Each structure stands twice: as C-alpha cells, then as structure tokens.
Amino acid sequence: MQLPAYVQVNDVLLRDGLQLEEKLLTVEEKLELAEGLMLAGVTSLEFGSFVHPKLVPQMANSGELFSRLKDSPADFVALVPNVKGAENASEAGVPRVNVVFSASNTHNLQNIRQTTEESLENVKKIKAICDARGMKLDISIATSFGCPFEGRVPEERIFSIIASIAPLEPHVITLADTTGVANPKQVYDLVNKLQEKFPHVKWNLHFHDTRGMGLANILAGLQAGVTSFDASLGGLGGCPFAPGATGNVSTEDVVHMFHSMGIETGIDLDKLLETSKRLKDIIGHELSSSVLKAGKYDRKYPVPS
C-alpha cells in the first residue's frame, strides 16, 4: 500500500456540519468551536455560507463570525451560491470562497434553483469577481458519485463538467458524495481517470458516511493519489435539499485513521476530541463520531521505509 507522509484534513463543521441543525448557534458558540479546532491544529476551516438567511438560517451570522476570525492563523473558506454571495463575501474580506453546484440537474434545481449548465455560467461570473478582488476560488461538484433523484451520474458527465471548469484554474476542485452513495472501487476508478485527463488540477474529496462507507472511500481516494479531504467534527452535517443526506465523515475518525496508519495531519487528536465533546454539549444531542464513543487506539502501524 502506497501511503503519503502527510494528508490535509479540512473541517467543514461550521458550514456543512451545522446547516441541518435545529439549534441556531450564536457567534460566540461558533467562535468557541472554531478556536477549539484551531487549537487542535486544524488549519483549514469552511466557516460559513453567504446564502440568503431565509434559506439557511443557520448561516445568517457567517459575516459576523468571520469578522471575529479573520486575524486567526488559519485558511478560512466560505461557501457562496451565486454572484451576490461572492460579492458579500468579498465585502466581508473573505480570502477564499467555495462555489457548489451539482452534476445532477435535478439536485441542482432543488438546491440552487438552476440547471447545471446555468450554474457553469454562474461559476464563470464568480471567477471574474474573485480575480478582480483577489479571492481564491474553490469549486465543488455535488452528487459526483450519484444523485438521490436521478441515481447514477455517468462518468462522461463528470468529465464534461471538469473540462468546462478546469480552464478557470480554480484553487481546488472537490468531488462530493452528497448523499453517501459512493463505493471505494467507484471512487478509485473515477479519481484515477480524472487525474489522467486533468493532471494539473488539485483535487479534494468530500464524503458522507450515510451508508457507513465514508472512511473506506477516503482510503480509496488516498490510494488514487488524493491527499486532501473534507470532514466535519462529530460527523455532523448533510444537504438540506437531499433526502437522507445526513452524516459527514467525522473529523476525529478521519484523523484517527490516518494517525493509526502512520500518516501525519498536523492535528492533535486529544485536543480535537475535547472540542468534539464541547460540540456535543452545545448541540445537545449525541454525535456519530466512533472515536468519541469508543476512544482512540494509540498504536500506529509503521510506515515502510
């Protein structure tokens, strides 16, 4: 098994993790969680979304939160659904934005009320704003491995979408398994093909653990050469516009797996678990994190020299 020495783990709790929660967290509560993540060594955080507060009220205080975080030593990313969101993020001083659209037309219409083709045009406009205002642009493709409405998404459609956005030279392209339908072989095969077709693209993978295959899919992506993965503290999250979408992979479970394999993340697992316990108190319900429930196992598997 070929293993990298280091893997980047990006925490998406403050955006994807909280967007389905009934409790609306205050800026102070979000700030406490962000500071706990950073204290644990997490250096990349998706902190919120510049979406209309009536659509996702959990994200209404994202701008205020960033004003409290912006001087912290971490890489902060905000989701933006459209040109207006990108403009609002720019006005708030956000250095990096993530625009999300779906490979599936049906899910895209449910999520942002546009066809995928309309979203591709929208991405070009957002890219122009980013270039003009000095922001980095990430692009995430939801339902890359399957759609809750349409079923299987043909690989050819993913290739066509990437061919449309790769010339924009985004900072990173994320393939997202929005409802946890992917399997390891599918992940390995698709990522290998994409890296062959688009060798200059920087890839990130975003998996949900809806059907218990999140860690296995991460391992498949790792074997295919990807070294950047999203995760959510406690396993919180999901898409509010996709039935059965709950269950991001847990940040602490991902970090525990990598550390057990001898792969470094720069993250202190003990401190991460402390923040996860605090998250449980703030949210007021159990979390899906396996390591939080069972405890960590310290013995690392030695990496072959």
Protein backbone atom coordinates (compact mmCIF):
# COMPACT_ATOMS: atom_id res chain seq x y z
CA MET A 1 0.00 0.00 0.00
CA GLN A 2 1.43 3.36 -1.06
CA LEU A 3 0.97 5.94 1.70
CA PRO A 4 1.79 9.66 1.72
CA ALA A 5 3.63 11.16 4.67
CA TYR A 6 1.05 13.92 5.17
CA VAL A 7 -2.63 14.46 4.43
CA GLN A 8 -4.63 17.71 4.63
CA VAL A 9 -7.87 17.44 6.62
CA ASN A 10 -10.30 20.34 6.10
CA ASP A 11 -13.02 20.76 8.71
CA VAL A 12 -16.47 21.82 7.44
CA LEU A 13 -18.38 21.73 10.75
CA LEU A 14 -19.22 25.42 10.85
CA ARG A 15 -20.89 25.29 7.43
CA ASP A 16 -21.89 21.83 6.26
CA GLY A 17 -21.98 20.43 9.78
CA LEU A 18 -24.38 22.97 11.22
CA GLN A 19 -26.70 23.65 8.30
CA LEU A 20 -29.18 20.91 9.25
CA GLU A 21 -29.16 21.54 13.00
CA GLU A 22 -32.38 22.78 14.58
CA LYS A 23 -30.43 24.81 17.11
CA LEU A 24 -29.10 28.07 15.69
CA LEU A 25 -25.68 28.63 17.18
CA THR A 26 -24.61 32.09 18.27
CA VAL A 27 -21.44 33.72 17.00
CA GLU A 28 -19.88 33.10 20.40
CA GLU A 29 -20.66 29.38 20.24
CA LYS A 30 -19.30 29.09 16.72
CA LEU A 31 -16.23 31.08 17.71
CA GLU A 32 -15.57 28.71 20.61
CA LEU A 33 -15.73 25.70 18.29
CA ALA A 34 -13.52 27.37 15.68
CA GLU A 35 -10.94 28.22 18.30
CA GLY A 36 -11.03 24.65 19.59
CA LEU A 37 -10.43 23.30 16.09
CA MET A 38 -7.53 25.67 15.52
CA LEU A 39 -6.05 24.87 18.94
CA ALA A 40 -6.10 21.22 17.86
CA GLY A 41 -4.09 22.13 14.77
CA VAL A 42 -6.82 22.30 12.11
CA THR A 43 -5.54 24.82 9.56
CA SER A 44 -8.37 24.78 7.00
CA LEU A 45 -11.95 25.61 8.03
CA GLU A 46 -15.09 26.17 5.98
CA PHE A 47 -16.59 28.65 8.42
CA GLY A 48 -19.96 29.54 6.87
CA SER A 49 -22.00 30.45 3.84
CA PHE A 50 -23.09 33.73 2.26
CA VAL A 51 -26.53 32.41 1.35
CA HIS A 52 -29.88 34.12 1.97
CA PRO A 53 -30.69 33.68 5.68
CA LYS A 54 -34.28 32.67 4.91
CA LEU A 55 -32.99 29.65 3.00
CA VAL A 56 -30.37 28.53 5.54
CA PRO A 57 -30.89 30.48 8.79
CA GLN A 58 -28.05 28.57 10.45
CA MET A 59 -25.63 30.57 8.29
CA ALA A 60 -27.10 34.02 8.91
CA ASN A 61 -24.22 35.14 11.17
CA SER A 62 -21.38 33.98 8.89
CA GLY A 63 -20.20 37.51 8.14
CA GLU A 64 -20.07 38.46 11.80
CA LEU A 65 -18.26 35.23 12.63
CA PHE A 66 -15.58 35.90 10.02
CA SER A 67 -15.02 39.40 11.39
CA ARG A 68 -14.04 37.71 14.65
CA LEU A 69 -11.89 35.05 12.97
CA LYS A 70 -10.14 36.89 10.16
CA ASP A 71 -6.93 37.60 12.08
CA SER A 72 -6.53 33.97 13.18
CA PRO A 73 -3.75 31.84 11.63
CA ALA A 74 -5.89 29.50 9.52
CA ASP A 75 -7.19 29.18 5.98
CA PHE A 76 -10.86 30.22 6.04
CA VAL A 77 -13.29 29.30 3.28
CA ALA A 78 -16.87 30.47 2.74
CA LEU A 79 -19.46 28.80 0.56
CA VAL A 80 -21.12 31.12 -1.95
CA PRO A 81 -24.15 30.02 -4.02
CA ASN A 82 -24.16 32.84 -6.56
CA VAL A 83 -22.67 36.17 -7.67
CA LYS A 84 -24.39 38.06 -4.84
CA GLY A 85 -22.91 35.68 -2.31
CA ALA A 86 -19.44 36.16 -3.79
CA GLU A 87 -19.84 39.94 -3.62
CA ASN A 88 -20.96 39.75 0.00
CA ALA A 89 -18.02 37.51 0.87
CA SER A 90 -15.65 39.93 -0.81
CA GLU A 91 -17.09 42.87 1.11
CA ALA A 92 -16.55 40.92 4.33
CA GLY A 93 -12.89 40.41 3.39
CA VAL A 94 -13.08 36.64 2.90
CA PRO A 95 -9.91 35.47 1.09
CA ARG A 96 -11.26 32.22 -0.35
CA VAL A 97 -14.70 31.09 -1.49
CA ASN A 98 -16.18 27.76 -2.48
CA VAL A 99 -18.94 27.62 -5.09
CA VAL A 100 -21.02 24.44 -5.14
CA PHE A 101 -23.23 23.06 -7.86
CA SER A 102 -24.47 19.59 -8.71
CA ALA A 103 -23.58 17.24 -11.51
CA SER A 104 -27.23 16.20 -11.35
CA ASN A 105 -29.68 18.68 -12.87
CA THR A 106 -32.50 17.59 -10.57
CA HIS A 107 -30.47 18.05 -7.39
CA ASN A 108 -29.10 21.36 -8.65
CA LEU A 109 -32.62 22.65 -9.29
CA GLN A 110 -33.65 21.58 -5.77
CA ASN A 111 -30.54 23.08 -4.21
CA ILE A 112 -29.94 26.39 -6.00
CA ARG A 113 -32.82 26.60 -8.49
CA GLN A 114 -30.60 26.41 -11.55
CA THR A 115 -29.72 23.76 -14.10
CA THR A 116 -26.15 22.52 -14.01
CA GLU A 117 -25.47 24.36 -17.27
CA GLU A 118 -26.75 27.62 -15.77
CA SER A 119 -24.51 27.05 -12.77
CA LEU A 120 -21.49 26.63 -15.02
CA GLU A 121 -22.14 30.11 -16.42
CA ASN A 122 -22.61 31.37 -12.86
CA VAL A 123 -19.21 29.96 -11.89
CA LYS A 124 -17.54 31.95 -14.67
CA LYS A 125 -19.08 35.17 -13.30
CA ILE A 126 -17.96 34.32 -9.77
CA LYS A 127 -14.46 33.60 -11.07
CA ALA A 128 -14.36 37.08 -12.60
CA ILE A 129 -15.30 38.60 -9.24
CA CYS A 130 -12.63 36.55 -7.49
CA ASP A 131 -9.98 37.63 -9.99
CA ALA A 132 -10.97 41.28 -9.66
CA ARG A 133 -10.98 41.23 -5.87
CA GLY A 134 -8.09 38.90 -5.10
CA MET A 135 -10.06 35.94 -3.77
CA LYS A 136 -9.20 32.29 -4.33
CA LEU A 137 -11.92 30.18 -5.92
CA ASP A 138 -12.69 26.58 -4.98
CA ILE A 139 -15.27 24.64 -6.99
CA SER A 140 -17.22 21.72 -5.53
CA ILE A 141 -19.27 19.33 -7.62
CA ALA A 142 -22.08 17.79 -5.58
CA THR A 143 -23.59 14.40 -6.44
CA SER A 144 -20.36 13.44 -8.23
CA PHE A 145 -20.89 9.78 -7.37
CA GLY A 146 -24.66 9.56 -7.54
CA CYS A 147 -27.89 11.51 -7.08
CA PRO A 148 -30.84 10.81 -4.73
CA PHE A 149 -33.24 11.81 -7.53
CA GLU A 150 -31.56 10.62 -10.73
CA GLY A 151 -29.47 7.70 -9.49
CA ARG A 152 -26.14 7.03 -11.18
CA VAL A 153 -24.33 10.05 -12.64
CA PRO A 154 -22.41 8.97 -15.78
CA GLU A 155 -18.65 9.43 -15.65
CA GLU A 156 -18.84 11.19 -19.00
CA ARG A 157 -20.93 13.92 -17.40
CA ILE A 158 -18.30 14.47 -14.70
CA PHE A 159 -15.57 14.61 -17.36
CA SER A 160 -17.57 17.21 -19.33
CA ILE A 161 -18.14 19.38 -16.26
CA ILE A 162 -14.46 19.29 -15.27
CA ALA A 163 -13.49 20.16 -18.86
CA SER A 164 -15.67 23.27 -18.55
CA ILE A 165 -14.25 24.50 -15.24
CA ALA A 166 -10.59 23.39 -15.39
CA PRO A 167 -9.66 26.31 -17.73
CA LEU A 168 -10.79 28.68 -14.95
CA GLU A 169 -7.83 27.37 -12.91
CA PRO A 170 -9.65 27.07 -9.59
CA HIS A 171 -7.58 26.73 -6.45
CA VAL A 172 -9.05 23.26 -5.90
CA ILE A 173 -11.84 21.09 -7.30
CA THR A 174 -13.82 18.99 -4.84
CA LEU A 175 -15.74 15.86 -5.77
CA ALA A 176 -18.59 15.48 -3.28
CA ASP A 177 -20.57 12.38 -2.40
CA THR A 178 -23.60 14.37 -1.28
CA THR A 179 -25.78 11.52 -0.02
CA GLY A 180 -23.19 8.85 0.73
CA VAL A 181 -23.80 6.57 -2.25
CA ALA A 182 -20.20 6.09 -3.40
CA ASN A 183 -18.22 2.87 -3.04
CA PRO A 184 -14.42 2.51 -2.87
CA LYS A 185 -13.97 0.96 -6.32
CA GLN A 186 -16.05 3.73 -7.91
CA VAL A 187 -14.00 6.38 -6.10
CA TYR A 188 -10.67 4.82 -7.05
CA ASP A 189 -11.63 4.39 -10.71
CA LEU A 190 -13.15 7.85 -11.17
CA VAL A 191 -10.31 9.70 -9.44
CA ASN A 192 -7.68 7.82 -11.43
CA LYS A 193 -9.40 8.68 -14.70
CA LEU A 194 -9.81 12.33 -13.74
CA GLN A 195 -6.16 12.68 -12.74
CA GLU A 196 -5.11 11.20 -16.05
CA LYS A 197 -7.38 13.54 -18.02
CA PHE A 198 -6.70 16.65 -15.91
CA PRO A 199 -3.17 16.27 -14.46
CA HIS A 200 -2.84 19.91 -13.39
CA VAL A 201 -5.98 20.01 -11.23
CA LYS A 202 -5.64 19.97 -7.43
CA TRP A 203 -8.27 17.56 -6.06
CA ASN A 204 -10.16 17.38 -2.78
CA LEU A 205 -12.73 14.76 -1.76
CA HIS A 206 -15.86 15.24 0.36
CA PHE A 207 -17.62 12.11 1.63
CA HIS A 208 -20.70 11.48 3.71
CA ASP A 209 -20.95 8.38 5.88
CA THR A 210 -24.68 7.86 5.29
CA ARG A 211 -24.19 4.18 4.47
CA GLY A 212 -21.06 3.58 6.53
CA MET A 213 -18.54 3.76 3.67
CA GLY A 214 -17.02 7.19 4.29
CA LEU A 215 -13.64 6.03 5.63
CA ALA A 216 -13.37 3.27 3.02
CA ASN A 217 -13.99 5.84 0.29
CA ILE A 218 -11.35 8.14 1.76
CA LEU A 219 -8.88 5.26 1.71
CA ALA A 220 -9.76 4.59 -1.96
CA GLY A 221 -9.18 8.27 -2.76
CA LEU A 222 -5.88 8.15 -0.90
CA GLN A 223 -4.77 5.14 -2.94
CA ALA A 224 -5.69 7.03 -6.11
CA GLY A 225 -3.35 9.85 -5.08
CA VAL A 226 -5.58 12.45 -3.40
CA THR A 227 -4.17 13.95 -0.19
CA SER A 228 -6.87 16.49 0.75
CA PHE A 229 -10.17 15.53 2.36
CA ASP A 230 -13.14 17.28 3.97
CA ALA A 231 -14.59 16.11 7.28
CA SER A 232 -16.92 17.51 9.93
CA LEU A 233 -16.29 17.45 13.66
CA GLY A 234 -18.56 14.90 15.30
CA GLY A 235 -19.84 13.70 11.94
CA LEU A 236 -22.44 16.48 11.79
CA GLY A 237 -23.92 17.67 8.54
CA GLY A 238 -25.67 16.98 5.30
CA CYS A 239 -27.50 18.72 2.49
CA PRO A 240 -30.92 20.22 3.40
CA PHE A 241 -32.12 19.67 -0.17
CA ALA A 242 -31.21 15.97 -0.50
CA PRO A 243 -33.26 13.25 1.25
CA GLY A 244 -31.16 11.08 3.55
CA ALA A 245 -28.04 13.23 3.20
CA THR A 246 -27.05 13.31 6.86
CA GLY A 247 -23.71 12.05 8.03
CA ASN A 248 -20.43 13.69 7.04
CA VAL A 249 -17.36 11.67 7.87
CA SER A 250 -16.21 12.61 11.35
CA THR A 251 -13.05 14.70 11.54
CA GLU A 252 -11.81 12.83 14.58
CA ASP A 253 -12.46 9.44 12.94
CA VAL A 254 -10.56 10.52 9.83
CA VAL A 255 -7.63 11.87 11.83
CA HIS A 256 -7.56 8.74 13.98
CA MET A 257 -7.46 6.51 10.89
CA PHE A 258 -4.62 8.47 9.30
CA HIS A 259 -2.58 8.59 12.51
CA SER A 260 -3.08 4.86 13.07
CA MET A 261 -1.66 4.31 9.58
CA GLY A 262 1.37 6.48 10.32
CA ILE A 263 0.16 9.40 8.20
CA GLU A 264 0.54 12.86 9.71
CA THR A 265 -2.17 15.53 9.64
CA GLY A 266 -0.69 18.17 11.94
CA ILE A 267 -3.77 17.74 14.16
CA ASP A 268 -3.71 16.88 17.87
CA LEU A 269 -6.36 14.16 18.25
CA ASP A 270 -6.72 14.62 22.02
CA LYS A 271 -7.49 18.31 21.62
CA LEU A 272 -9.80 17.54 18.72
CA LEU A 273 -11.78 15.13 20.92
CA GLU A 274 -12.04 17.78 23.62
CA THR A 275 -13.65 20.12 21.09
CA SER A 276 -15.94 17.33 19.90
CA LYS A 277 -17.14 16.80 23.49
CA ARG A 278 -17.82 20.50 23.73
CA LEU A 279 -19.74 20.37 20.43
CA LYS A 280 -21.94 17.63 21.85
CA ASP A 281 -22.77 19.88 24.82
CA ILE A 282 -23.54 22.87 22.61
CA ILE A 283 -25.69 20.94 20.13
CA GLY A 284 -27.45 18.98 22.84
CA HIS A 285 -27.51 15.54 21.24
CA GLU A 286 -25.28 12.56 20.54
CA LEU A 287 -22.69 12.71 17.75
CA SER A 288 -21.92 9.96 15.26
CA SER A 289 -18.16 10.02 15.87
CA SER A 290 -16.92 6.49 16.56
CA VAL A 291 -13.68 7.60 18.22
CA LEU A 292 -15.56 9.96 20.53
CA LYS A 293 -17.65 6.99 21.71
CA ALA A 294 -15.01 4.25 21.79
CA GLY A 295 -11.86 6.22 22.47
CA LYS A 296 -8.69 6.33 20.42
CA TYR A 297 -6.25 3.48 19.84
CA ASP A 298 -2.70 4.74 20.14
CA ARG A 299 -0.69 2.06 18.37
CA LYS A 300 0.42 3.26 14.96
CA TYR A 301 1.14 0.98 12.04
CA PRO A 302 4.76 1.60 10.98
CA VAL A 303 5.19 3.17 7.57
CA PRO A 304 7.54 1.09 5.38
CA SER A 305 10.83 2.89 4.67
